[in-house]
Amino acid sequence: MDSWPTPPVPRLAGQGLPLRVFDTATQQLLTTKPGPTARLYVCGITPYDATHLGHAATYIAFDLMQRVWLDAGHDVHYVQNVTDVDDPLLERAVATGQDWSELARAETALFRQDMTALRVLPPQDYVGAVESIPSVVRLVLELQNKGAAYAVDDDIYFSVASDPRFGSLSRLDRESMVTLLAERGGDPDRPGKKDPLDSLLWQAARPGEPAWETTLGHGRPGWHIECAAIALDQLGMTFDVQGGGSDLIFPHHETGASEAHVITGEWPFAQAFVHTGMVGLSGAKMSKSQGNLVFVSRLLDDGRDPMAVRLALLAHHYRANWDWTEQDLTAAEARLHHWRIAVTSGAAPSADAVIDAIRHRLADDLDAPGALAAIDAWADHATDGAESSSPGDGSGAGGEVAAAVDALLGVQILPDA
């Protein structure tokens, strides 16, 4: 599957700092220690509707992670999936009278456009669930051979009892796990399951639904095994960071990691599990099921500057839960305007201290709000004497700051930056 174009990333003088992030599994900040190439897997969209701001906030957070690693001298191998066959997609296709595959293609294309406009660095490997079916089949056969999978009617389930570490990521009690599994696409009450927490690996064909002929029978993959297969194929075990929204901690990331542990006999699946907070609207999590969405594409169609949209999201720490308001965007537009005046001011102060501050703030658990505050302070100084000085051309200190903001925060201040 095609990804989207890579925006240019300016090279900065000096070198960035090691990145510390909050690891969900240990509930502690840890310093990432990639080799020459940092390996990152972030769960992608189920393409049955346009990109909303909750999606955008997540992918911008992991875009910052890539930029910090790049600034520190690492290459980055970034992998993202597309769940281009799944129940929500099929249900939307039926409700709207569309072909499910055409719906998936159209919404994936719109997602690419949104990511391009927001200047999000693309994944090196962008892999659809349909593409991953041969790998899923291979992994399910391995789980069967290890006695970690069993049949319920013609479907195949993963036995969580096969992984003694199951539950160590989310740290939830059993009752909470069962409740969340039911809320998030699972079927804890299905008769014939050995454990309510066991999850579907392979679903036999249902009338009117897409299916593929394989050695497992005619059917399609389950959700969790899809990401496990893609991550193992592209990155192998013990890659640096598994990322996604906090609503994926359980059951998705918990189960996918367990399946990989059992298949490979290795641990951990990822060195760190990093999760973003939920973006809400009017007090409720922004989600397709709730119908309370603010779409990136609609904001852009209304003429809002994509860099202001990006800044509005960066103004909140990636792990925070928060509610979107129109004020977020108007404040970001004002901030962007202020920065654009500052970098072209003939009175712009030295860039060294502010670039150092941006690097330190982002290296400390991707503290984008702290980085924005440092740039605001620099911009205030730059514009204090703007009236008594000749306008600059965006070179010198102003150009250095603009390049740093572009490289580290992904915000293009100068049109030709």
Protein backbone atom coordinates (compact mmCIF):
# COMPACT_ATOMS: atom_id res chain seq x y z
CA MET A 1 0.00 0.00 0.00
CA ASP A 2 1.32 3.45 -0.90
CA SER A 3 2.18 5.89 1.87
CA TRP A 4 2.23 9.69 1.42
CA PRO A 5 5.03 12.10 0.40
CA THR A 6 7.82 12.90 2.84
CA PRO A 7 8.05 16.59 3.71
CA PRO A 8 11.57 18.04 3.79
CA VAL A 9 13.18 18.04 7.25
CA PRO A 10 15.86 20.72 7.70
CA ARG A 11 19.19 19.63 9.14
CA LEU A 12 20.14 21.55 12.27
CA ALA A 13 23.54 22.38 13.67
CA GLY A 14 24.61 20.19 16.55
CA GLN A 15 22.77 17.06 17.61
CA GLY A 16 19.60 16.34 19.51
CA LEU A 17 19.17 14.58 22.83
CA PRO A 18 18.15 11.03 23.81
CA LEU A 19 14.37 10.71 24.04
CA ARG A 20 12.59 9.87 27.29
CA VAL A 21 8.99 8.66 27.03
CA PHE A 22 6.36 7.33 29.40
CA ASP A 23 6.09 3.55 29.10
CA THR A 24 2.59 2.24 29.77
CA ALA A 25 3.88 -1.22 30.73
CA THR A 26 6.11 0.00 33.57
CA GLN A 27 4.24 3.25 34.28
CA GLN A 28 7.59 5.02 34.26
CA LEU A 29 9.57 7.39 32.12
CA LEU A 30 12.33 5.57 30.29
CA THR A 31 15.07 6.67 27.95
CA THR A 32 14.77 5.07 24.53
CA LYS A 33 17.99 3.46 23.35
CA PRO A 34 17.65 2.75 19.64
CA GLY A 35 20.48 1.40 17.59
CA PRO A 36 21.47 3.22 14.41
CA THR A 37 17.86 2.73 13.28
CA ALA A 38 14.97 3.39 15.67
CA ARG A 39 12.05 1.01 15.09
CA LEU A 40 8.51 2.32 15.56
CA TYR A 41 5.10 0.69 15.01
CA VAL A 42 1.95 2.81 15.31
CA CYS A 43 -1.53 1.37 14.82
CA GLY A 44 -3.31 2.98 11.89
CA ILE A 45 -6.89 3.77 10.96
CA THR A 46 -9.88 1.63 10.13
CA PRO A 47 -10.86 3.60 7.02
CA TYR A 48 -14.61 3.96 7.25
CA ASP A 49 -14.71 7.74 7.82
CA ALA A 50 -12.48 10.79 7.46
CA THR A 51 -9.54 11.68 9.71
CA HIS A 52 -10.76 13.38 12.88
CA LEU A 53 -8.68 15.45 15.27
CA GLY A 54 -8.21 12.53 17.66
CA HIS A 55 -6.46 10.62 14.88
CA ALA A 56 -4.42 13.67 13.93
CA ALA A 57 -3.27 14.25 17.52
CA THR A 58 -2.01 10.66 17.76
CA TYR A 59 -0.10 10.67 14.48
CA ILE A 60 1.40 14.10 15.19
CA ALA A 61 2.64 12.80 18.57
CA PHE A 62 4.53 9.95 16.92
CA ASP A 63 5.69 12.33 14.21
CA LEU A 64 7.39 14.30 16.99
CA MET A 65 9.00 11.08 18.17
CA GLN A 66 10.46 10.47 14.72
CA ARG A 67 11.76 14.04 14.53
CA VAL A 68 13.49 13.81 17.92
CA TRP A 69 15.17 10.55 16.90
CA LEU A 70 16.24 11.98 13.54
CA ASP A 71 17.69 15.05 15.27
CA ALA A 72 19.61 12.73 17.61
CA GLY A 73 21.26 11.06 14.62
CA HIS A 74 19.13 7.93 14.20
CA ASP A 75 17.45 6.66 11.09
CA VAL A 76 13.84 5.66 11.72
CA HIS A 77 12.01 2.58 10.45
CA TYR A 78 8.37 3.51 10.94
CA VAL A 79 5.59 1.01 10.25
CA GLN A 80 1.86 1.70 10.26
CA ASN A 81 -1.05 -0.54 9.34
CA VAL A 82 -4.44 0.11 7.78
CA THR A 83 -7.27 -2.12 9.02
CA ASP A 84 -8.87 -2.21 5.59
CA VAL A 85 -11.20 -5.08 6.39
CA ASP A 86 -13.03 -5.17 9.72
CA ASP A 87 -16.56 -5.14 11.14
CA PRO A 88 -16.93 -1.33 11.50
CA LEU A 89 -15.88 -0.84 7.88
CA LEU A 90 -18.28 -3.50 6.63
CA GLU A 91 -21.12 -2.08 8.73
CA ARG A 92 -20.54 1.44 7.35
CA ALA A 93 -20.43 0.10 3.79
CA VAL A 94 -23.80 -1.61 4.27
CA ALA A 95 -25.32 1.47 5.92
CA THR A 96 -24.20 3.75 3.07
CA GLY A 97 -24.73 1.30 0.21
CA GLN A 98 -21.04 1.41 -0.78
CA ASP A 99 -18.69 -1.36 -1.77
CA TRP A 100 -16.53 -2.00 1.30
CA SER A 101 -13.26 -2.02 -0.65
CA GLU A 102 -14.08 1.24 -2.44
CA LEU A 103 -14.99 2.86 0.89
CA ALA A 104 -11.67 1.73 2.35
CA ARG A 105 -9.70 3.03 -0.62
CA ALA A 106 -11.44 6.41 -0.61
CA GLU A 107 -11.04 7.02 3.12
CA THR A 108 -7.42 5.85 3.10
CA ALA A 109 -6.73 8.32 0.28
CA LEU A 110 -8.33 11.12 2.30
CA PHE A 111 -6.23 10.14 5.32
CA ARG A 112 -3.08 10.40 3.19
CA GLN A 113 -4.14 13.88 2.05
CA ASP A 114 -4.72 14.99 5.64
CA MET A 115 -1.34 13.65 6.80
CA THR A 116 0.36 15.38 3.87
CA ALA A 117 -1.29 18.70 4.71
CA LEU A 118 -0.26 18.38 8.37
CA ARG A 119 3.32 17.54 7.31
CA VAL A 120 3.39 14.24 9.18
CA LEU A 121 6.38 12.08 8.27
CA PRO A 122 5.07 8.96 6.53
CA PRO A 123 5.71 5.35 7.49
CA GLN A 124 8.37 3.50 5.56
CA ASP A 125 6.01 0.52 5.46
CA TYR A 126 2.28 1.21 5.15
CA VAL A 127 0.56 -2.16 5.20
CA GLY A 128 -3.10 -3.09 4.87
CA ALA A 129 -4.81 -5.92 6.71
CA VAL A 130 -5.70 -7.52 3.40
CA GLU A 131 -2.04 -7.47 2.36
CA SER A 132 -1.08 -9.13 5.63
CA ILE A 133 -3.37 -12.17 5.28
CA PRO A 134 -0.57 -14.60 4.23
CA SER A 135 1.45 -13.57 7.29
CA VAL A 136 -1.59 -13.85 9.57
CA VAL A 137 -2.27 -17.37 8.29
CA ARG A 138 1.33 -18.38 8.97
CA LEU A 139 1.20 -17.03 12.54
CA VAL A 140 -2.14 -18.66 13.31
CA LEU A 141 -0.75 -22.01 12.13
CA GLU A 142 2.24 -21.49 14.45
CA LEU A 143 -0.09 -20.76 17.37
CA GLN A 144 -2.07 -23.90 16.59
CA ASN A 145 1.14 -25.94 16.52
CA LYS A 146 2.07 -24.55 19.94
CA GLY A 147 -1.35 -25.44 21.37
CA ALA A 148 -2.15 -21.75 21.82
CA ALA A 149 -5.11 -21.62 19.41
CA TYR A 150 -8.35 -23.56 19.24
CA ALA A 151 -11.55 -23.71 17.21
CA VAL A 152 -15.01 -22.50 18.16
CA ASP A 153 -17.26 -23.74 15.39
CA ASP A 154 -15.24 -22.72 12.29
CA ASP A 155 -13.53 -19.72 13.92
CA ILE A 156 -10.10 -19.82 15.57
CA TYR A 157 -9.26 -18.18 18.92
CA PHE A 158 -6.07 -17.30 20.75
CA SER A 159 -5.80 -18.79 24.24
CA VAL A 160 -4.60 -16.11 26.64
CA ALA A 161 -3.65 -18.86 29.08
CA SER A 162 -0.73 -19.68 26.77
CA ASP A 163 1.02 -16.44 27.79
CA PRO A 164 1.73 -16.12 31.53
CA ARG A 165 2.45 -12.42 31.04
CA PHE A 166 -1.00 -11.64 29.61
CA GLY A 167 -2.36 -8.59 31.46
CA SER A 168 1.04 -7.14 32.36
CA LEU A 169 0.76 -4.27 29.89
CA SER A 170 -2.66 -2.93 30.88
CA ARG A 171 -2.43 -3.97 34.58
CA LEU A 172 -6.20 -4.32 34.70
CA ASP A 173 -8.14 -6.68 36.92
CA ARG A 174 -10.00 -9.49 35.20
CA GLU A 175 -13.44 -7.90 35.54
CA SER A 176 -12.24 -4.69 33.88
CA MET A 177 -10.61 -6.64 31.04
CA VAL A 178 -13.82 -8.55 30.34
CA THR A 179 -15.83 -5.33 30.32
CA LEU A 180 -13.41 -3.57 27.96
CA LEU A 181 -13.21 -6.56 25.65
CA ALA A 182 -16.99 -6.44 25.21
CA GLU A 183 -16.93 -2.68 24.60
CA ARG A 184 -14.08 -2.82 22.10
CA GLY A 185 -15.10 -5.44 19.59
CA GLY A 186 -14.60 -8.65 21.54
CA ASP A 187 -17.06 -11.42 22.40
CA PRO A 188 -16.40 -12.54 26.00
CA ASP A 189 -19.81 -14.25 26.27
CA ARG A 190 -19.50 -16.48 23.21
CA PRO A 191 -20.30 -20.11 24.06
CA GLY A 192 -17.46 -22.54 23.45
CA LYS A 193 -14.61 -20.19 24.37
CA LYS A 194 -12.15 -21.51 26.93
CA ASP A 195 -11.73 -18.08 28.50
CA PRO A 196 -13.89 -14.97 28.02
CA LEU A 197 -10.67 -13.02 27.29
CA ASP A 198 -9.64 -15.21 24.37
CA SER A 199 -9.67 -13.24 21.11
CA LEU A 200 -10.46 -14.07 17.52
CA LEU A 201 -7.52 -14.99 15.31
CA TRP A 202 -9.40 -16.10 12.21
CA GLN A 203 -13.07 -15.59 11.42
CA ALA A 204 -14.72 -18.05 9.08
CA ALA A 205 -16.66 -16.54 6.17
CA ARG A 206 -20.04 -15.02 6.96
CA PRO A 207 -22.80 -14.55 4.38
CA GLY A 208 -22.36 -11.35 2.41
CA GLU A 209 -18.95 -10.54 3.90
CA PRO A 210 -15.53 -10.62 2.19
CA ALA A 211 -13.40 -13.71 2.75
CA TRP A 212 -10.22 -15.28 1.41
CA GLU A 213 -9.43 -18.92 0.71
CA THR A 214 -6.47 -20.06 2.83
CA THR A 215 -5.13 -23.14 4.58
CA LEU A 216 -7.14 -21.98 7.61
CA GLY A 217 -10.32 -22.10 5.55
CA HIS A 218 -12.43 -19.45 3.85
CA GLY A 219 -12.41 -16.36 6.07
CA ARG A 220 -10.57 -13.22 7.21
CA PRO A 221 -8.13 -12.22 9.97
CA GLY A 222 -8.91 -11.05 13.46
CA TRP A 223 -7.87 -7.59 14.54
CA HIS A 224 -5.00 -8.14 17.00
CA ILE A 225 -3.12 -10.78 15.02
CA GLU A 226 -3.06 -8.44 12.01
CA CYS A 227 -0.86 -5.88 13.79
CA ALA A 228 1.29 -8.59 15.39
CA ALA A 229 1.94 -10.08 11.95
CA ILE A 230 2.82 -6.77 10.32
CA ALA A 231 5.10 -5.69 13.17
CA LEU A 232 6.93 -9.02 13.23
CA ASP A 233 7.33 -9.03 9.44
CA GLN A 234 8.69 -5.50 9.22
CA LEU A 235 10.44 -4.88 12.56
CA GLY A 236 10.91 -8.17 14.40
CA MET A 237 10.60 -8.57 18.16
CA THR A 238 11.77 -6.11 20.79
CA PHE A 239 11.48 -3.09 18.53
CA ASP A 240 11.76 0.31 20.19
CA VAL A 241 8.20 1.67 20.51
CA GLN A 242 4.68 0.39 19.96
CA GLY A 243 2.34 3.38 19.78
CA GLY A 244 -1.30 4.31 19.50
CA GLY A 245 -4.19 5.87 21.35
CA SER A 246 -4.81 4.93 24.99
CA ASP A 247 -8.00 3.16 23.91
CA LEU A 248 -5.77 0.53 22.24
CA ILE A 249 -3.95 -0.53 25.42
CA PHE A 250 -6.56 -3.21 26.05
CA PRO A 251 -7.40 -5.46 24.34
CA HIS A 252 -5.51 -4.57 21.16
CA HIS A 253 -1.94 -3.98 22.30
CA GLU A 254 -2.18 -6.41 25.19
CA THR A 255 -3.38 -9.27 23.01
CA GLY A 256 -1.15 -8.56 20.01
CA ALA A 257 1.92 -8.53 22.26
CA SER A 258 0.88 -11.81 23.89
CA GLU A 259 0.37 -13.48 20.54
CA ALA A 260 3.87 -12.37 19.48
CA HIS A 261 5.39 -13.60 22.77
CA VAL A 262 3.91 -17.07 22.29
CA ILE A 263 4.82 -17.29 18.60
CA THR A 264 8.46 -16.24 19.03
CA GLY A 265 9.22 -17.32 22.57
CA GLU A 266 10.78 -13.88 23.04
CA TRP A 267 9.90 -10.94 25.27
CA PRO A 268 9.14 -8.06 25.17
CA PHE A 269 7.23 -7.35 21.98
CA ALA A 270 8.34 -3.69 22.21
CA GLN A 271 10.83 -1.97 24.47
CA ALA A 272 8.25 0.71 25.28
CA PHE A 273 4.49 1.06 24.83
CA VAL A 274 3.56 4.70 24.33
CA HIS A 275 -0.05 5.91 24.26
CA THR A 276 -1.73 9.19 23.48
CA GLY A 277 -4.64 10.69 25.38
CA MET A 278 -8.16 11.06 24.02
CA VAL A 279 -9.38 14.21 22.32
CA GLY A 280 -12.98 15.00 23.21
CA LEU A 281 -15.74 17.33 22.14
CA SER A 282 -18.35 18.62 24.59
CA GLY A 283 -17.16 16.29 27.32
CA ALA A 284 -17.13 13.02 25.35
CA LYS A 285 -14.27 11.22 23.61
CA MET A 286 -14.18 12.15 19.92
CA SER A 287 -15.10 8.97 18.07
CA LYS A 288 -17.01 7.72 15.08
CA SER A 289 -19.39 5.71 17.24
CA GLN A 290 -20.26 8.85 19.25
CA GLY A 291 -20.70 10.93 16.10
CA ASN A 292 -18.95 13.90 17.75
CA LEU A 293 -16.18 14.40 15.25
CA VAL A 294 -14.22 17.38 13.99
CA PHE A 295 -12.64 16.37 10.69
CA VAL A 296 -9.24 17.64 9.57
CA SER A 297 -10.38 17.76 5.93
CA ARG A 298 -13.37 19.96 6.77
CA LEU A 299 -11.22 22.44 8.66
CA LEU A 300 -8.89 22.62 5.67
CA ASP A 301 -11.79 22.95 3.24
CA ASP A 302 -12.98 25.89 5.34
CA GLY A 303 -9.66 27.59 4.65
CA ARG A 304 -7.99 27.02 8.02
CA ASP A 305 -4.20 26.91 7.83
CA PRO A 306 -2.98 23.31 8.29
CA MET A 307 -0.03 24.62 10.30
CA ALA A 308 -2.46 26.28 12.70
CA VAL A 309 -4.36 22.99 13.02
CA ARG A 310 -1.09 21.25 13.81
CA LEU A 311 -0.14 23.93 16.35
CA ALA A 312 -3.55 23.65 18.02
CA LEU A 313 -2.91 19.94 18.61
CA LEU A 314 0.69 20.49 19.73
CA ALA A 315 -0.53 22.90 22.40
CA HIS A 316 -1.68 19.88 24.46
CA HIS A 317 0.68 17.25 25.84
CA TYR A 318 0.32 14.00 23.92
CA ARG A 319 -0.67 11.98 27.02
CA ALA A 320 -3.38 14.42 28.16
CA ASN A 321 -7.10 13.93 27.69
CA TRP A 322 -8.65 17.21 26.54
CA ASP A 323 -11.63 18.76 24.79
CA TRP A 324 -11.33 20.53 21.45
CA THR A 325 -12.85 23.99 21.12
CA GLU A 326 -12.81 26.61 18.40
CA GLN A 327 -10.62 28.66 20.74
CA ASP A 328 -7.85 26.09 20.32
CA LEU A 329 -7.68 26.90 16.63
CA THR A 330 -8.02 30.67 16.91
CA ALA A 331 -5.26 30.73 19.54
CA ALA A 332 -3.06 28.62 17.26
CA GLU A 333 -3.70 30.98 14.34
CA ALA A 334 -2.65 33.94 16.49
CA ARG A 335 0.48 32.08 17.65
CA LEU A 336 1.43 31.18 14.08
CA HIS A 337 0.97 34.79 12.96
CA HIS A 338 3.15 36.00 15.86
CA TRP A 339 5.92 33.51 14.97
CA ARG A 340 5.83 34.51 11.30
CA ILE A 341 6.33 38.15 12.24
CA ALA A 342 9.11 37.20 14.67
CA VAL A 343 11.22 35.15 12.25
CA THR A 344 11.19 37.98 9.72
CA SER A 345 11.99 40.65 12.31
CA GLY A 346 15.24 42.51 11.94
CA ALA A 347 15.45 42.48 15.74
CA ALA A 348 15.37 38.69 16.13
CA PRO A 349 17.63 37.60 19.02
CA SER A 350 20.10 34.70 18.83
CA ALA A 351 18.55 31.33 18.01
CA ASP A 352 20.89 29.16 20.08
CA ALA A 353 19.05 29.28 23.39
CA VAL A 354 15.58 28.70 21.94
CA ILE A 355 16.73 25.78 19.77
CA ASP A 356 18.37 24.25 22.83
CA ALA A 357 15.12 24.73 24.78
CA ILE A 358 13.02 23.08 22.04
CA ARG A 359 15.37 20.10 21.99
CA HIS A 360 15.29 19.71 25.77
CA ARG A 361 11.52 20.00 26.01
CA LEU A 362 10.81 17.48 23.24
CA ALA A 363 13.39 15.03 24.56
CA ASP A 364 11.54 15.10 27.89
CA ASP A 365 8.51 12.96 27.03
CA LEU A 366 7.65 14.99 23.91
CA ASP A 367 6.74 18.12 25.86
CA ALA A 368 5.41 20.08 22.88
CA PRO A 369 3.58 22.68 25.04
CA GLY A 370 6.87 23.47 26.75
CA ALA A 371 8.58 23.83 23.38
CA LEU A 372 5.84 26.17 22.15
CA ALA A 373 6.24 28.32 25.27
CA ALA A 374 9.98 28.64 24.62
CA ILE A 375 9.33 29.78 21.05
CA ASP A 376 6.67 32.21 22.25
CA ALA A 377 9.19 33.81 24.61
CA TRP A 378 11.76 34.13 21.82
CA ALA A 379 9.12 35.58 19.47
CA ASP A 380 8.11 38.13 22.11
CA HIS A 381 11.72 39.35 22.26
CA ALA A 382 11.99 39.35 18.47
CA THR A 383 8.90 41.50 18.05
CA ASP A 384 9.60 43.90 20.95
CA GLY A 385 11.89 45.95 18.75
CA ALA A 386 10.25 45.18 15.44
CA GLU A 387 8.75 48.66 15.01
CA SER A 388 12.14 50.37 15.32
CA SER A 389 14.05 47.95 13.11
CA SER A 390 14.01 47.08 9.44
CA PRO A 391 12.05 43.94 8.54
CA GLY A 392 14.22 40.89 8.01
CA ASP A 393 14.06 38.39 5.20
CA GLY A 394 13.79 35.26 7.34
CA SER A 395 17.53 34.61 7.28
CA GLY A 396 19.94 34.85 10.21
CA ALA A 397 18.54 34.00 13.66
CA GLY A 398 14.97 34.13 12.41
CA GLY A 399 15.74 31.62 9.69
CA GLU A 400 17.51 29.35 12.17
CA VAL A 401 14.47 29.33 14.46
CA ALA A 402 12.14 28.72 11.53
CA ALA A 403 14.27 25.75 10.45
CA ALA A 404 14.28 24.33 13.99
CA VAL A 405 10.52 24.70 14.35
CA ASP A 406 10.12 22.93 11.02
CA ALA A 407 12.60 20.13 11.78
CA LEU A 408 11.53 19.43 15.36
CA LEU A 409 7.85 20.41 15.51
CA GLY A 410 6.89 19.95 11.86
CA VAL A 411 5.47 23.47 11.64
CA GLN A 412 6.43 25.40 8.54
CA ILE A 413 6.63 29.09 9.46
CA LEU A 414 8.22 30.49 6.30
CA PRO A 415 6.60 29.57 2.98
CA ASP A 416 9.94 28.64 1.43
CA ALA A 417 11.36 26.97 4.54
